[in-house]
């Protein structure tokens, strides 16, 4: 099984390391996938800026972790759910630390 990594650099947000969907023949090699979420154009102190950030994070999480649809195993569904949760939580944690901005938690 491989791992996917979603990380931050400069003015971008990041996410998490989590299992991904991989073929049964895959080795323990690490695969790195990156999704960049730009924030420099957002005012994160406004509800509109936060909503836009949340939408961008959701899109990045989908690209990195995928979605649990179709004929997949319970283990694959669990891996996707873990990836999505870690990715979102990490991205929000990074956003909170950017330039002293604090986002509302849900």
Protein backbone atom coordinates (compact mmCIF):
# COMPACT_ATOMS: atom_id res chain seq x y z
CA UNK A 1 0.00 0.00 0.00
CA UNK A 2 1.24 3.49 -0.72
CA UNK A 3 0.82 6.67 1.22
CA UNK A 4 -0.26 10.02 -0.10
CA UNK A 5 1.06 13.25 1.24
CA UNK A 6 -0.63 16.62 0.97
CA UNK A 7 1.64 19.38 2.31
CA UNK A 8 2.13 23.12 2.62
CA UNK A 9 4.81 25.40 1.22
CA UNK A 10 5.07 29.21 1.23
CA UNK A 11 1.56 30.62 0.67
CA UNK A 12 -0.21 27.29 0.34
CA UNK A 13 -2.03 24.96 2.67
CA UNK A 14 -1.32 21.36 3.32
CA UNK A 15 -2.77 18.14 4.45
CA UNK A 16 -1.79 14.76 5.74
CA UNK A 17 -0.09 11.47 5.25
CA UNK A 18 -2.63 8.70 4.88
CA UNK A 19 -3.17 5.40 3.11
CA UNK A 20 -4.42 5.54 -0.43
CA UNK A 21 -6.13 3.27 -2.84
CA UNK A 22 -3.52 1.11 -4.46
CA UNK A 23 -3.47 -2.16 -6.33
CA UNK A 24 -2.90 -5.34 -4.36
CA UNK A 25 0.49 -5.77 -6.01
CA UNK A 26 1.82 -2.45 -4.73
CA UNK A 27 4.90 -2.47 -2.49
CA UNK A 28 5.48 -0.38 0.62
CA UNK A 29 6.97 2.46 -1.45
CA UNK A 30 5.87 5.98 -0.60
CA UNK A 31 3.99 7.96 -3.21
CA UNK A 32 3.75 11.69 -2.74
CA UNK A 33 0.79 13.59 -4.13
CA UNK A 34 0.58 17.32 -3.68
CA UNK A 35 -2.43 19.60 -3.84
CA UNK A 36 -1.79 23.31 -3.55
CA UNK A 37 -4.42 25.55 -1.99
CA UNK A 38 -3.67 29.21 -2.60
CA UNK A 39 -4.66 31.60 0.18
CA UNK A 40 -2.88 34.83 -0.66
CA UNK A 41 -6.00 36.25 -2.32
CA UNK A 42 -8.28 35.46 0.65
CA UNK A 43 -9.21 37.56 3.65
CA UNK A 44 -9.54 34.77 6.21
CA UNK A 45 -11.03 37.14 8.79
CA UNK A 46 -14.29 37.26 6.80
CA UNK A 47 -16.96 34.56 6.46
CA UNK A 48 -16.62 34.76 2.67
CA UNK A 49 -12.86 34.19 2.82
CA UNK A 50 -13.31 31.26 5.18
CA UNK A 51 -16.02 29.73 2.97
CA UNK A 52 -13.78 30.03 -0.08
CA UNK A 53 -10.90 28.47 1.83
CA UNK A 54 -13.11 25.57 2.96
CA UNK A 55 -14.24 24.97 -0.63
CA UNK A 56 -10.65 25.00 -1.87
CA UNK A 57 -9.56 22.60 0.86
CA UNK A 58 -12.45 20.26 0.04
CA UNK A 59 -11.41 20.20 -3.62
CA UNK A 60 -7.78 19.53 -2.73
CA UNK A 61 -8.78 16.74 -0.34
CA UNK A 62 -10.83 15.14 -3.13
CA UNK A 63 -7.88 15.29 -5.52
CA UNK A 64 -5.43 13.82 -3.02
CA UNK A 65 -7.56 11.27 -1.18
CA UNK A 66 -10.30 10.44 -3.64
CA UNK A 67 -13.79 9.50 -2.62
CA UNK A 68 -15.30 6.28 -1.34
CA UNK A 69 -17.55 5.47 -4.27
CA UNK A 70 -17.99 2.41 -6.40
CA UNK A 71 -17.03 -1.17 -5.66
CA UNK A 72 -14.20 -0.85 -3.13
CA UNK A 73 -13.37 -2.80 -0.01
CA UNK A 74 -14.12 -1.74 3.55
CA UNK A 75 -10.38 -1.27 4.12
CA UNK A 76 -10.16 1.06 1.12
CA UNK A 77 -13.18 3.03 2.34
CA UNK A 78 -11.58 3.34 5.76
CA UNK A 79 -8.26 4.46 4.25
CA UNK A 80 -10.03 7.14 2.22
CA UNK A 81 -11.97 8.35 5.26
CA UNK A 82 -8.78 8.56 7.34
CA UNK A 83 -6.93 10.36 4.54
CA UNK A 84 -9.74 12.87 4.10
CA UNK A 85 -10.04 13.60 7.84
CA UNK A 86 -6.29 14.00 8.34
CA UNK A 87 -5.90 16.10 5.21
CA UNK A 88 -8.69 18.49 6.18
CA UNK A 89 -7.57 18.79 9.81
CA UNK A 90 -3.96 19.42 8.82
CA UNK A 91 -4.90 21.97 6.17
CA UNK A 92 -7.06 23.87 8.65
CA UNK A 93 -4.29 23.77 11.27
CA UNK A 94 -1.86 25.24 8.75
CA UNK A 95 -4.41 27.90 7.80
CA UNK A 96 -4.77 28.89 11.46
CA UNK A 97 -1.05 29.55 11.73
CA UNK A 98 -0.75 31.57 8.52
CA UNK A 99 0.06 35.19 9.36
CA UNK A 100 -1.67 35.02 12.75
CA UNK A 101 -5.07 34.32 11.23
CA UNK A 102 -7.40 32.08 13.21
CA UNK A 103 -10.27 30.28 11.51
CA UNK A 104 -13.55 29.38 13.15
CA UNK A 105 -13.72 25.73 14.08
CA UNK A 106 -16.72 23.53 13.45
